């Protein structure tokens, strides 16, 4: 039945077909009106598609004086492979990246303000994080300024602090929040070893980083 005599039809295959064709046009360079230059590599795309997916690029295109010509956007700090992955996502809604590229995809998504992709990459990194690698993951999250990621990594560090304190990287932590609760399953020798590591961390922070003891005591409790 059609209301009021109007013909109503929904082509369920239209969207997927159109998206696939648009991506094919992008890859062949047809009807493209934006050129992305990434560290010597060049990627072509359609301005309207990128503007819908990236608030960062939307702002650039919106302020472009020649809105009818070819737009040029240059990046010197992104991985071309990561940007290609984001372009493919913009056209297909599918995010596919080798695990070695996830951090680069995260960085590119952060730059382009593609928050959903950034969150997905962050969650993936958390799922792959191990005790041996959590400090390097923390350094990455800190560099990216991701408070959500930092908070979850810090929780993991606190939960596995004794084990992590055995790593050389432990002394490179920029801050340390430590809460020692004496429970039946926590032995005094283990706590003593942990206290020793904390003292080493404090000494390194004072000698190497010039931190004040008063400031450090606010971070260690």
N, C-alpha and C. Protein backbone atom coordinates (compact mmCIF):
# COMPACT_ATOMS: atom_id res chain seq x y z
N UNK A 1 0.85 -1.20 0.00
CA UNK A 1 0.00 0.00 0.00
C UNK A 1 0.88 1.25 0.00
N UNK A 2 0.45 2.26 -0.73
CA UNK A 2 1.18 3.53 -0.75
C UNK A 2 0.25 4.63 -0.26
N UNK A 3 0.69 5.44 0.71
CA UNK A 3 -0.17 6.50 1.25
C UNK A 3 -0.47 7.58 0.22
N UNK A 4 -1.72 8.01 0.19
CA UNK A 4 -2.14 9.12 -0.67
C UNK A 4 -1.84 8.88 -2.15
N UNK A 5 -1.72 7.62 -2.52
CA UNK A 5 -1.53 7.31 -3.93
C UNK A 5 -0.13 7.54 -4.45
N UNK A 6 0.84 7.91 -3.57
CA UNK A 6 2.21 8.15 -4.01
C UNK A 6 2.96 6.83 -4.15
N UNK A 7 3.83 6.78 -5.14
CA UNK A 7 4.70 5.63 -5.30
C UNK A 7 5.87 5.76 -4.33
N UNK A 8 6.12 4.73 -3.55
CA UNK A 8 7.24 4.73 -2.61
C UNK A 8 8.08 3.49 -2.84
N UNK A 9 9.37 3.71 -3.02
CA UNK A 9 10.27 2.60 -3.29
C UNK A 9 11.62 2.89 -2.65
N UNK A 10 12.18 1.91 -1.97
CA UNK A 10 13.50 2.05 -1.37
C UNK A 10 14.43 1.00 -1.94
N UNK A 11 15.45 1.47 -2.61
CA UNK A 11 16.43 0.57 -3.22
C UNK A 11 17.50 0.25 -2.18
N UNK A 12 17.43 -0.93 -1.60
CA UNK A 12 18.34 -1.29 -0.52
C UNK A 12 19.79 -1.45 -0.98
N UNK A 13 19.98 -1.67 -2.26
CA UNK A 13 21.34 -1.85 -2.78
C UNK A 13 21.95 -0.55 -3.28
N UNK A 14 21.13 0.52 -3.34
CA UNK A 14 21.60 1.77 -3.94
C UNK A 14 22.77 2.38 -3.17
N UNK A 15 22.63 2.45 -1.85
CA UNK A 15 23.65 3.11 -1.04
C UNK A 15 25.00 2.42 -1.17
N UNK A 16 25.00 1.09 -0.99
CA UNK A 16 26.25 0.34 -1.10
C UNK A 16 26.85 0.46 -2.49
N UNK A 17 25.99 0.40 -3.49
CA UNK A 17 26.47 0.50 -4.88
C UNK A 17 27.07 1.87 -5.16
N UNK A 18 26.39 2.91 -4.69
CA UNK A 18 26.87 4.28 -4.93
C UNK A 18 28.19 4.54 -4.21
N UNK A 19 28.26 4.08 -2.97
CA UNK A 19 29.49 4.26 -2.19
C UNK A 19 30.66 3.56 -2.86
N UNK A 20 30.43 2.35 -3.34
CA UNK A 20 31.49 1.60 -4.01
C UNK A 20 31.94 2.31 -5.28
N UNK A 21 30.99 2.87 -6.02
CA UNK A 21 31.33 3.57 -7.25
C UNK A 21 32.09 4.86 -6.95
N UNK A 22 31.70 5.56 -5.89
CA UNK A 22 32.40 6.80 -5.52
C UNK A 22 33.84 6.50 -5.13
N UNK A 23 34.05 5.40 -4.41
CA UNK A 23 35.40 5.04 -4.02
C UNK A 23 36.23 4.67 -5.24
N UNK A 24 35.59 4.00 -6.20
CA UNK A 24 36.29 3.66 -7.45
C UNK A 24 36.67 4.93 -8.21
N UNK A 25 35.78 5.92 -8.20
CA UNK A 25 36.08 7.20 -8.85
C UNK A 25 37.26 7.88 -8.16
N UNK A 26 37.29 7.80 -6.84
CA UNK A 26 38.41 8.40 -6.09
C UNK A 26 39.72 7.75 -6.48
N UNK A 27 39.74 6.43 -6.51
CA UNK A 27 40.98 5.72 -6.79
C UNK A 27 41.47 5.95 -8.22
N UNK A 28 40.53 6.24 -9.12
CA UNK A 28 40.92 6.50 -10.51
C UNK A 28 41.14 7.99 -10.77
N UNK A 29 40.87 8.82 -9.74
CA UNK A 29 41.10 10.26 -9.88
C UNK A 29 40.02 10.99 -10.65
N UNK A 30 38.87 10.37 -10.88
CA UNK A 30 37.81 11.00 -11.65
C UNK A 30 36.95 11.91 -10.79
N UNK A 31 36.70 13.11 -11.31
CA UNK A 31 35.84 14.12 -10.67
C UNK A 31 36.35 14.53 -9.28
N UNK A 32 37.61 14.28 -9.00
CA UNK A 32 38.18 14.67 -7.70
C UNK A 32 38.45 16.17 -7.70
N UNK A 33 38.23 16.79 -6.55
CA UNK A 33 38.45 18.24 -6.45
C UNK A 33 39.29 18.62 -5.23
N UNK A 34 39.98 17.63 -4.65
CA UNK A 34 40.90 17.93 -3.56
C UNK A 34 42.12 17.03 -3.69
N UNK A 35 43.27 17.63 -3.49
CA UNK A 35 44.53 16.89 -3.57
C UNK A 35 45.21 16.97 -2.20
N UNK A 36 45.40 15.81 -1.58
CA UNK A 36 46.08 15.74 -0.29
C UNK A 36 47.54 15.38 -0.52
N UNK A 37 48.43 16.20 -0.01
CA UNK A 37 49.86 15.95 -0.15
C UNK A 37 50.41 15.58 1.23
N UNK A 38 50.86 14.33 1.34
CA UNK A 38 51.32 13.80 2.62
C UNK A 38 52.75 13.31 2.47
N UNK A 39 53.68 14.06 3.00
CA UNK A 39 55.10 13.66 3.01
C UNK A 39 55.57 13.17 1.64
N UNK A 40 55.28 13.94 0.61
CA UNK A 40 55.74 13.60 -0.72
C UNK A 40 54.80 12.71 -1.50
N UNK A 41 53.76 12.18 -0.86
CA UNK A 41 52.77 11.36 -1.54
C UNK A 41 51.52 12.19 -1.82
N UNK A 42 50.82 11.84 -2.87
CA UNK A 42 49.63 12.60 -3.26
C UNK A 42 48.42 11.67 -3.33
N UNK A 43 47.33 12.10 -2.69
CA UNK A 43 46.09 11.34 -2.69
C UNK A 43 44.96 12.25 -3.17
N UNK A 44 44.13 11.72 -4.06
CA UNK A 44 43.02 12.49 -4.60
C UNK A 44 41.72 12.06 -3.92
N UNK A 45 40.78 13.00 -3.83
CA UNK A 45 39.50 12.68 -3.20
C UNK A 45 38.47 13.73 -3.61
N UNK A 46 37.26 13.57 -3.07
CA UNK A 46 36.17 14.50 -3.35
C UNK A 46 35.90 15.32 -2.09
N UNK A 47 35.90 16.61 -2.27
CA UNK A 47 35.79 17.54 -1.15
C UNK A 47 34.53 17.29 -0.31
N UNK A 48 33.41 17.04 -0.95
CA UNK A 48 32.15 16.87 -0.22
C UNK A 48 32.21 15.66 0.71
N UNK A 49 32.83 14.58 0.23
CA UNK A 49 32.92 13.37 1.05
C UNK A 49 33.79 13.61 2.27
N UNK A 50 34.95 14.23 2.06
CA UNK A 50 35.87 14.47 3.18
C UNK A 50 35.30 15.47 4.17
N UNK A 51 34.58 16.46 3.66
CA UNK A 51 33.99 17.47 4.54
C UNK A 51 32.95 16.84 5.47
N UNK A 52 32.28 15.80 5.00
CA UNK A 52 31.28 15.12 5.83
C UNK A 52 31.91 14.27 6.92
N UNK A 53 33.14 13.82 6.70
CA UNK A 53 33.78 12.90 7.64
C UNK A 53 34.80 13.57 8.56
N UNK A 54 35.36 14.68 8.12
CA UNK A 54 36.42 15.32 8.87
C UNK A 54 36.10 16.79 9.16
N UNK A 55 35.76 17.12 10.41
CA UNK A 55 35.53 18.53 10.76
C UNK A 55 36.74 19.41 10.46
N UNK A 56 37.93 18.84 10.59
CA UNK A 56 39.15 19.60 10.30
C UNK A 56 39.19 20.03 8.84
N UNK A 57 38.92 19.08 7.93
CA UNK A 57 38.93 19.40 6.51
C UNK A 57 37.73 20.27 6.13
N UNK A 58 36.62 20.07 6.81
CA UNK A 58 35.45 20.92 6.56
C UNK A 58 35.81 22.39 6.78
N UNK A 59 36.52 22.66 7.88
CA UNK A 59 36.91 24.04 8.19
C UNK A 59 37.83 24.59 7.10
N UNK A 60 38.74 23.75 6.61
CA UNK A 60 39.66 24.20 5.56
C UNK A 60 38.90 24.49 4.27
N UNK A 61 38.04 23.57 3.87
CA UNK A 61 37.28 23.76 2.62
C UNK A 61 36.32 24.93 2.74
N UNK A 62 35.76 25.12 3.91
CA UNK A 62 34.78 26.19 4.11
C UNK A 62 35.41 27.57 4.01
N UNK A 63 36.71 27.63 4.30
CA UNK A 63 37.42 28.92 4.23
C UNK A 63 38.20 29.07 2.94
N UNK A 64 38.07 28.09 2.05
CA UNK A 64 38.79 28.12 0.78
C UNK A 64 38.19 29.21 -0.12
N UNK A 65 39.03 30.14 -0.55
CA UNK A 65 38.55 31.25 -1.39
C UNK A 65 38.01 30.73 -2.72
N UNK A 66 38.76 29.83 -3.33
CA UNK A 66 38.34 29.28 -4.62
C UNK A 66 37.63 27.95 -4.37
N UNK A 67 36.36 28.03 -4.00
CA UNK A 67 35.62 26.83 -3.64
C UNK A 67 35.24 25.97 -4.83
N UNK A 68 35.44 26.48 -6.05
CA UNK A 68 35.07 25.72 -7.24
C UNK A 68 36.27 25.08 -7.93
N UNK A 69 37.46 25.41 -7.48
CA UNK A 69 38.65 24.84 -8.09
C UNK A 69 39.17 23.65 -7.30
N UNK A 70 40.40 23.27 -7.59
CA UNK A 70 41.04 22.15 -6.89
C UNK A 70 41.62 22.63 -5.56
N UNK A 71 41.24 21.97 -4.48
CA UNK A 71 41.78 22.31 -3.17
C UNK A 71 43.06 21.51 -2.93
N UNK A 72 44.01 22.15 -2.28
CA UNK A 72 45.27 21.48 -1.94
C UNK A 72 45.46 21.54 -0.42
N UNK A 73 45.66 20.39 0.18
CA UNK A 73 45.90 20.32 1.62
C UNK A 73 47.18 19.53 1.84
N UNK A 74 48.08 20.11 2.62
CA UNK A 74 49.40 19.50 2.81
C UNK A 74 49.60 19.09 4.25
N UNK A 75 50.12 17.87 4.44
CA UNK A 75 50.45 17.36 5.77
C UNK A 75 51.90 16.86 5.75
N UNK A 76 52.66 17.27 6.74
CA UNK A 76 54.05 16.82 6.83
C UNK A 76 54.28 15.85 7.99
N UNK A 77 53.25 15.64 8.79
CA UNK A 77 53.44 14.84 10.00
C UNK A 77 52.54 13.61 10.06
N UNK A 78 52.01 13.19 8.91
CA UNK A 78 51.13 12.02 8.89
C UNK A 78 51.70 10.94 7.98
N UNK A 79 51.30 9.71 8.26
CA UNK A 79 51.71 8.57 7.45
C UNK A 79 50.76 8.45 6.25
N UNK A 80 51.27 8.47 5.02
CA UNK A 80 50.39 8.37 3.84
C UNK A 80 49.51 7.12 3.86
N UNK A 81 50.06 6.01 4.34
CA UNK A 81 49.26 4.78 4.41
C UNK A 81 48.09 4.94 5.37
N UNK A 82 48.33 5.64 6.47
CA UNK A 82 47.26 5.86 7.44
C UNK A 82 46.18 6.76 6.86
N UNK A 83 46.58 7.78 6.12
CA UNK A 83 45.60 8.68 5.51
C UNK A 83 44.78 7.93 4.45
N UNK A 84 45.43 7.06 3.69
CA UNK A 84 44.71 6.25 2.70
C UNK A 84 43.66 5.37 3.39
N UNK A 85 44.01 4.83 4.54
CA UNK A 85 43.06 4.02 5.31
C UNK A 85 41.86 4.85 5.73
N UNK A 86 42.12 6.10 6.14
CA UNK A 86 41.02 6.98 6.54
C UNK A 86 40.17 7.39 5.34
N UNK A 87 40.80 7.58 4.19
CA UNK A 87 40.03 7.90 2.99
C UNK A 87 39.11 6.73 2.63
N UNK A 88 39.65 5.54 2.71
CA UNK A 88 38.83 4.36 2.41
C UNK A 88 37.67 4.26 3.39
N UNK A 89 37.92 4.59 4.65
CA UNK A 89 36.85 4.60 5.65
C UNK A 89 35.80 5.65 5.32
N UNK A 90 36.24 6.82 4.88
CA UNK A 90 35.31 7.90 4.55
C UNK A 90 34.36 7.50 3.43
N UNK A 91 34.83 6.66 2.53
CA UNK A 91 34.02 6.26 1.38
C UNK A 91 33.25 4.96 1.60
N UNK A 92 33.70 4.13 2.52
CA UNK A 92 33.09 2.81 2.67
C UNK A 92 32.56 2.52 4.07
N UNK A 93 32.92 3.35 5.05
CA UNK A 93 32.56 3.12 6.46
C UNK A 93 33.22 1.87 7.02
N UNK A 94 34.27 1.41 6.35
CA UNK A 94 35.02 0.24 6.81
C UNK A 94 36.44 0.66 7.18
N UNK A 95 36.82 0.31 8.40
CA UNK A 95 38.16 0.66 8.88
C UNK A 95 39.01 -0.60 8.92
N UNK A 96 40.01 -0.66 8.06
CA UNK A 96 40.88 -1.83 7.98
C UNK A 96 42.33 -1.36 8.05
N UNK A 97 43.04 -1.82 9.07
CA UNK A 97 44.44 -1.40 9.24
C UNK A 97 45.24 -2.52 9.89
N UNK A 98 46.44 -2.75 9.37
CA UNK A 98 47.34 -3.69 10.03
C UNK A 98 47.67 -3.16 11.42
N UNK A 99 47.94 -4.07 12.34
CA UNK A 99 48.18 -3.65 13.72
C UNK A 99 49.36 -2.70 13.84
N UNK A 100 50.33 -2.83 12.92
CA UNK A 100 51.50 -1.94 12.96
C UNK A 100 51.14 -0.51 12.58
N UNK A 101 50.00 -0.32 11.93
CA UNK A 101 49.61 1.01 11.46
C UNK A 101 48.57 1.69 12.35
N UNK A 102 48.08 0.99 13.36
CA UNK A 102 46.96 1.52 14.15
C UNK A 102 47.34 2.84 14.83
N UNK A 103 48.54 2.93 15.36
CA UNK A 103 48.95 4.18 16.01
C UNK A 103 49.00 5.33 15.01
N UNK A 104 49.47 5.04 13.79
CA UNK A 104 49.52 6.08 12.76
C UNK A 104 48.11 6.49 12.32
N UNK A 105 47.21 5.51 12.24
CA UNK A 105 45.82 5.82 11.89
C UNK A 105 45.20 6.67 13.00
N UNK A 106 45.49 6.31 14.25
CA UNK A 106 45.01 7.10 15.38
C UNK A 106 45.51 8.55 15.26
N UNK A 107 46.80 8.73 14.99
CA UNK A 107 47.38 10.07 14.89
C UNK A 107 46.72 10.87 13.77
N UNK A 108 46.49 10.21 12.63
CA UNK A 108 45.86 10.89 11.50
C UNK A 108 44.41 11.25 11.82
N UNK A 109 43.70 10.33 12.48
CA UNK A 109 42.31 10.60 12.86
C UNK A 109 42.24 11.75 13.85
N UNK A 110 43.20 11.81 14.75
CA UNK A 110 43.25 12.92 15.71
C UNK A 110 43.45 14.24 14.99
N UNK A 111 44.35 14.26 14.02
CA UNK A 111 44.62 15.47 13.25
C UNK A 111 43.39 15.92 12.48
N UNK A 112 42.69 14.97 11.89
CA UNK A 112 41.52 15.28 11.06
C UNK A 112 40.24 15.41 11.87
N UNK A 113 40.36 15.26 13.19
CA UNK A 113 39.22 15.37 14.12
C UNK A 113 38.14 14.32 13.83
N UNK A 114 38.59 13.14 13.44
CA UNK A 114 37.66 12.03 13.22
C UNK A 114 37.59 11.24 14.52
N UNK A 115 36.79 11.75 15.45
CA UNK A 115 36.79 11.26 16.82
C UNK A 115 36.37 9.80 16.95
N UNK A 116 35.42 9.39 16.14
CA UNK A 116 34.95 8.00 16.22
C UNK A 116 36.08 7.04 15.86
N UNK A 117 36.81 7.35 14.81
CA UNK A 117 37.93 6.50 14.40
C UNK A 117 39.02 6.52 15.47
N UNK A 118 39.28 7.68 16.03
CA UNK A 118 40.29 7.80 17.08
C UNK A 118 39.92 6.91 18.27
N UNK A 119 38.65 6.92 18.65
CA UNK A 119 38.21 6.09 19.77
C UNK A 119 38.35 4.61 19.46
N UNK A 120 37.97 4.21 18.24
CA UNK A 120 38.07 2.81 17.85
C UNK A 120 39.53 2.35 17.88
N UNK A 121 40.43 3.20 17.37
CA UNK A 121 41.85 2.85 17.38
C UNK A 121 42.38 2.78 18.81
N UNK A 122 41.95 3.72 19.66
CA UNK A 122 42.37 3.71 21.05
C UNK A 122 41.92 2.45 21.77
N UNK A 123 40.68 2.05 21.54
CA UNK A 123 40.16 0.83 22.16
C UNK A 123 40.92 -0.40 21.66
N UNK A 124 41.28 -0.39 20.38
CA UNK A 124 42.05 -1.51 19.84
C UNK A 124 43.42 -1.60 20.52
N UNK A 125 44.07 -0.45 20.67
CA UNK A 125 45.38 -0.43 21.32
C UNK A 125 45.28 -0.95 22.75
N UNK A 126 44.22 -0.56 23.46
CA UNK A 126 44.03 -1.04 24.83
C UNK A 126 43.85 -2.55 24.86
N UNK A 127 43.14 -3.08 23.87
CA UNK A 127 42.88 -4.52 23.83
C UNK A 127 44.15 -5.32 23.55
N UNK A 128 45.13 -4.69 22.92
CA UNK A 128 46.38 -5.37 22.59
C UNK A 128 47.49 -5.07 23.59
N UNK A 129 47.23 -4.18 24.53
CA UNK A 129 48.26 -3.77 25.47
C UNK A 129 48.57 -4.89 26.46
N UNK A 130 49.85 -5.11 26.68
CA UNK A 130 50.31 -6.08 27.67
C UNK A 130 51.10 -5.34 28.74
N UNK A 131 51.33 -6.02 29.84
CA UNK A 131 52.06 -5.40 30.94
C UNK A 131 53.44 -4.92 30.49
N UNK A 132 54.07 -5.67 29.59
CA UNK A 132 55.41 -5.31 29.13
C UNK A 132 55.41 -4.07 28.24
N UNK A 133 54.26 -3.75 27.66
CA UNK A 133 54.22 -2.64 26.71
C UNK A 133 53.41 -1.44 27.20
N UNK A 134 52.85 -1.53 28.40
CA UNK A 134 51.92 -0.48 28.83
C UNK A 134 52.60 0.88 29.01
N UNK A 135 53.88 0.90 29.39
CA UNK A 135 54.55 2.18 29.59
C UNK A 135 54.76 2.89 28.25
N UNK A 136 55.12 2.13 27.21
CA UNK A 136 55.27 2.75 25.89
C UNK A 136 53.92 3.21 25.36
N UNK A 137 52.86 2.45 25.66
CA UNK A 137 51.51 2.87 25.28
C UNK A 137 51.13 4.15 26.00
N UNK A 138 51.56 4.25 27.26
CA UNK A 138 51.25 5.45 28.03
C UNK A 138 51.95 6.67 27.43
N UNK A 139 53.19 6.48 27.00
CA UNK A 139 53.93 7.57 26.37
C UNK A 139 53.21 8.06 25.12
N UNK A 140 52.69 7.11 24.35
CA UNK A 140 51.95 7.46 23.13
C UNK A 140 50.68 8.24 23.48
N UNK A 141 49.92 7.74 24.45
CA UNK A 141 48.67 8.41 24.84
C UNK A 141 48.95 9.81 25.38
N UNK A 142 50.04 9.95 26.13
CA UNK A 142 50.41 11.26 26.67
C UNK A 142 50.78 12.22 25.54
N UNK A 143 51.52 11.72 24.57
CA UNK A 143 51.92 12.54 23.42
C UNK A 143 50.70 12.99 22.62
N UNK A 144 49.69 12.13 22.54
CA UNK A 144 48.47 12.45 21.80
C UNK A 144 47.50 13.30 22.62
N UNK A 145 47.78 13.45 23.91
CA UNK A 145 46.90 14.24 24.77
C UNK A 145 45.53 13.61 24.97
N UNK A 146 45.49 12.28 24.99
CA UNK A 146 44.22 11.56 25.12
C UNK A 146 43.99 11.20 26.58
N UNK A 147 43.20 11.99 27.28
CA UNK A 147 42.94 11.76 28.69
C UNK A 147 42.22 10.46 28.96
N UNK A 148 41.30 10.09 28.07
CA UNK A 148 40.55 8.84 28.25
C UNK A 148 41.49 7.65 28.19
N UNK A 149 42.36 7.65 27.19
CA UNK A 149 43.32 6.56 27.03
C UNK A 149 44.31 6.53 28.19
N UNK A 150 44.78 7.70 28.58
CA UNK A 150 45.72 7.79 29.69
C UNK A 150 45.12 7.22 30.97
N UNK A 151 43.88 7.57 31.23
CA UNK A 151 43.23 7.11 32.45
C UNK A 151 43.15 5.60 32.52
N UNK A 152 42.79 4.97 31.41
CA UNK A 152 42.67 3.51 31.39
C UNK A 152 44.03 2.83 31.50
N UNK A 153 45.03 3.42 30.86
CA UNK A 153 46.38 2.85 30.96
C UNK A 153 46.92 3.00 32.38
N UNK A 154 46.67 4.15 33.00
CA UNK A 154 47.13 4.37 34.37
C UNK A 154 46.47 3.38 35.34
N UNK A 155 45.21 3.06 35.09
CA UNK A 155 44.53 2.07 35.92
C UNK A 155 45.22 0.71 35.79
N UNK A 156 45.60 0.37 34.57
CA UNK A 156 46.30 -0.91 34.35
C UNK A 156 47.65 -0.89 35.05
N UNK A 157 48.35 0.23 34.97
CA UNK A 157 49.66 0.34 35.62
C UNK A 157 49.52 0.19 37.13
N UNK A 158 48.51 0.82 37.71
CA UNK A 158 48.31 0.73 39.15
C UNK A 158 47.97 -0.70 39.57
N UNK A 159 47.18 -1.38 38.75
CA UNK A 159 46.78 -2.75 39.09
C UNK A 159 47.94 -3.74 38.98
N UNK A 160 48.93 -3.42 38.14
CA UNK A 160 50.06 -4.33 37.93
C UNK A 160 51.38 -3.64 38.27
N UNK A 161 51.32 -2.75 39.25
CA UNK A 161 52.46 -1.89 39.53
C UNK A 161 53.71 -2.66 39.93
N UNK A 162 53.54 -3.68 40.76
CA UNK A 162 54.71 -4.42 41.23
C UNK A 162 55.43 -5.09 40.07
N UNK A 163 54.68 -5.69 39.16
CA UNK A 163 55.27 -6.34 38.00
C UNK A 163 55.90 -5.32 37.06
N UNK A 164 55.21 -4.21 36.85
CA UNK A 164 55.71 -3.18 35.94
C UNK A 164 56.95 -2.51 36.50
N UNK A 165 57.04 -2.43 37.83
CA UNK A 165 58.19 -1.76 38.45
C UNK A 165 59.50 -2.49 38.19
N UNK A 166 59.42 -3.74 37.73
CA UNK A 166 60.63 -4.50 37.41
C UNK A 166 61.21 -4.10 36.06
N UNK A 167 60.44 -3.36 35.27
CA UNK A 167 60.91 -2.96 33.95
C UNK A 167 61.79 -1.72 34.03
N UNK A 168 62.77 -1.64 33.15
CA UNK A 168 63.63 -0.46 33.11
C UNK A 168 62.84 0.79 32.75
N UNK A 169 61.78 0.61 31.95
CA UNK A 169 60.97 1.75 31.52
C UNK A 169 60.20 2.38 32.68
N UNK A 170 60.08 1.66 33.79
CA UNK A 170 59.31 2.16 34.93
C UNK A 170 59.84 3.51 35.41
N UNK A 171 61.17 3.65 35.42
CA UNK A 171 61.77 4.89 35.92
C UNK A 171 61.54 6.07 34.99
N UNK A 172 61.04 5.80 33.77
CA UNK A 172 60.80 6.88 32.82
C UNK A 172 59.37 7.42 32.90
N UNK A 173 58.55 6.83 33.77
CA UNK A 173 57.19 7.34 33.91
C UNK A 173 57.24 8.80 34.36
N UNK A 174 56.48 9.69 33.71
CA UNK A 174 56.51 11.11 34.06
C UNK A 174 55.86 11.40 35.40
N UNK A 175 54.99 10.55 35.84
CA UNK A 175 54.39 10.74 37.16
C UNK A 175 54.00 9.38 37.70
N UNK A 176 53.80 9.30 38.97
CA UNK A 176 53.50 8.01 39.58
C UNK A 176 52.49 8.21 40.69
N UNK A 177 51.34 7.58 40.58
CA UNK A 177 50.35 7.63 41.65
C UNK A 177 50.29 6.24 42.25
N UNK A 178 50.65 6.13 43.50
CA UNK A 178 50.81 4.83 44.13
C UNK A 178 50.01 4.75 45.41
N UNK A 179 49.17 3.75 45.48
CA UNK A 179 48.41 3.51 46.70
C UNK A 179 48.70 2.08 47.13
N UNK A 180 49.38 1.91 48.26
CA UNK A 180 49.74 0.59 48.75
C UNK A 180 48.76 0.18 49.84
N UNK A 181 48.02 -0.86 49.59
CA UNK A 181 47.05 -1.36 50.56
C UNK A 181 47.52 -2.73 51.03
N UNK A 182 47.78 -2.86 52.30
CA UNK A 182 48.29 -4.11 52.83
C UNK A 182 47.14 -5.10 52.99
N UNK A 183 47.15 -6.12 52.16
CA UNK A 183 46.12 -7.14 52.19
C UNK A 183 46.77 -8.49 52.48
N UNK A 184 45.96 -9.49 52.69
CA UNK A 184 46.47 -10.82 53.01
C UNK A 184 47.34 -11.38 51.89
N UNK A 185 47.02 -10.99 50.65
CA UNK A 185 47.75 -11.56 49.52
C UNK A 185 48.92 -10.69 49.09
N UNK A 186 49.24 -9.65 49.87
CA UNK A 186 50.39 -8.81 49.55
C UNK A 186 51.45 -9.04 50.62
N UNK A 187 52.60 -9.54 50.20
CA UNK A 187 53.65 -9.86 51.16
C UNK A 187 54.54 -8.66 51.42
N UNK A 188 55.09 -8.59 52.60
CA UNK A 188 55.96 -7.48 52.95
C UNK A 188 57.19 -7.38 52.07
N UNK A 189 57.85 -8.51 51.72
CA UNK A 189 59.00 -8.40 50.81
C UNK A 189 58.62 -7.75 49.49
N UNK A 190 57.42 -8.09 48.97
CA UNK A 190 56.99 -7.48 47.71
C UNK A 190 56.82 -5.99 47.87
N UNK A 191 56.22 -5.57 48.99
CA UNK A 191 56.04 -4.15 49.23
C UNK A 191 57.38 -3.44 49.37
N UNK A 192 58.32 -4.11 50.05
CA UNK A 192 59.64 -3.51 50.21
C UNK A 192 60.31 -3.27 48.88
N UNK A 193 60.17 -4.22 47.98
CA UNK A 193 60.75 -4.07 46.64
C UNK A 193 60.08 -2.91 45.90
N UNK A 194 58.77 -2.80 46.09
CA UNK A 194 58.03 -1.73 45.43
C UNK A 194 58.44 -0.37 45.98
N UNK A 195 58.59 -0.28 47.30
CA UNK A 195 59.03 0.98 47.90
C UNK A 195 60.39 1.39 47.33
N UNK A 196 61.28 0.41 47.17
CA UNK A 196 62.61 0.70 46.63
C UNK A 196 62.51 1.27 45.22
N UNK A 197 61.61 0.71 44.42
CA UNK A 197 61.42 1.20 43.05
C UNK A 197 60.88 2.62 43.05
N UNK A 198 59.96 2.90 43.97
CA UNK A 198 59.39 4.25 44.06
C UNK A 198 60.47 5.25 44.43
N UNK A 199 61.34 4.87 45.36
CA UNK A 199 62.44 5.76 45.76
C UNK A 199 63.36 6.02 44.58
N UNK A 200 63.65 4.97 43.81
CA UNK A 200 64.49 5.14 42.62
C UNK A 200 63.83 6.09 41.63
N UNK A 201 62.51 5.96 41.49
CA UNK A 201 61.78 6.84 40.58
C UNK A 201 61.86 8.29 41.04
N UNK A 202 61.69 8.50 42.36
CA UNK A 202 61.77 9.86 42.91
C UNK A 202 63.16 10.45 42.68
N UNK A 203 64.20 9.64 42.93
CA UNK A 203 65.57 10.13 42.73
C UNK A 203 65.80 10.51 41.27
N UNK A 204 65.34 9.68 40.36
CA UNK A 204 65.54 9.98 38.94
C UNK A 204 64.81 11.26 38.55
N UNK A 205 63.59 11.43 39.08
CA UNK A 205 62.80 12.62 38.74
C UNK A 205 63.47 13.88 39.25
N UNK A 206 64.11 13.80 40.42
CA UNK A 206 64.78 14.96 40.99
C UNK A 206 66.08 15.26 40.25
N UNK A 207 66.88 14.22 40.03
CA UNK A 207 68.21 14.43 39.44
C UNK A 207 68.16 14.68 37.94
N UNK A 208 67.36 13.90 37.23
CA UNK A 208 67.35 14.00 35.77
C UNK A 208 66.37 15.05 35.25
N UNK A 209 65.23 15.17 35.90
CA UNK A 209 64.18 16.05 35.38
C UNK A 209 64.05 17.37 36.14
N UNK A 210 64.80 17.50 37.25
CA UNK A 210 64.75 18.75 37.99
C UNK A 210 63.45 18.97 38.75
N UNK A 211 62.71 17.90 39.02
CA UNK A 211 61.46 18.02 39.76
C UNK A 211 61.76 18.37 41.22
N UNK A 212 60.84 19.09 41.85
CA UNK A 212 60.98 19.39 43.27
C UNK A 212 60.36 18.26 44.08
N UNK A 213 60.92 18.00 45.25
CA UNK A 213 60.41 16.93 46.10
C UNK A 213 58.98 17.23 46.53
N UNK A 214 58.69 18.50 46.78
CA UNK A 214 57.33 18.87 47.21
C UNK A 214 56.31 18.52 46.13
N UNK A 215 56.67 18.80 44.87
CA UNK A 215 55.75 18.48 43.76
C UNK A 215 55.58 16.97 43.62
N UNK A 216 56.67 16.23 43.76
CA UNK A 216 56.61 14.78 43.62
C UNK A 216 55.75 14.15 44.71
N UNK A 217 55.82 14.70 45.92
CA UNK A 217 55.04 14.13 47.01
C UNK A 217 53.54 14.30 46.78
N UNK A 218 53.16 15.27 45.94
CA UNK A 218 51.76 15.42 45.59
C UNK A 218 51.31 14.32 44.65
N UNK A 219 52.27 13.71 43.93
CA UNK A 219 51.95 12.68 42.95
C UNK A 219 52.10 11.28 43.52
N UNK A 220 52.83 11.13 44.61
CA UNK A 220 53.04 9.81 45.21
C UNK A 220 52.32 9.76 46.53
N UNK A 221 51.39 8.84 46.65
CA UNK A 221 50.64 8.75 47.90
C UNK A 221 50.25 7.31 48.16
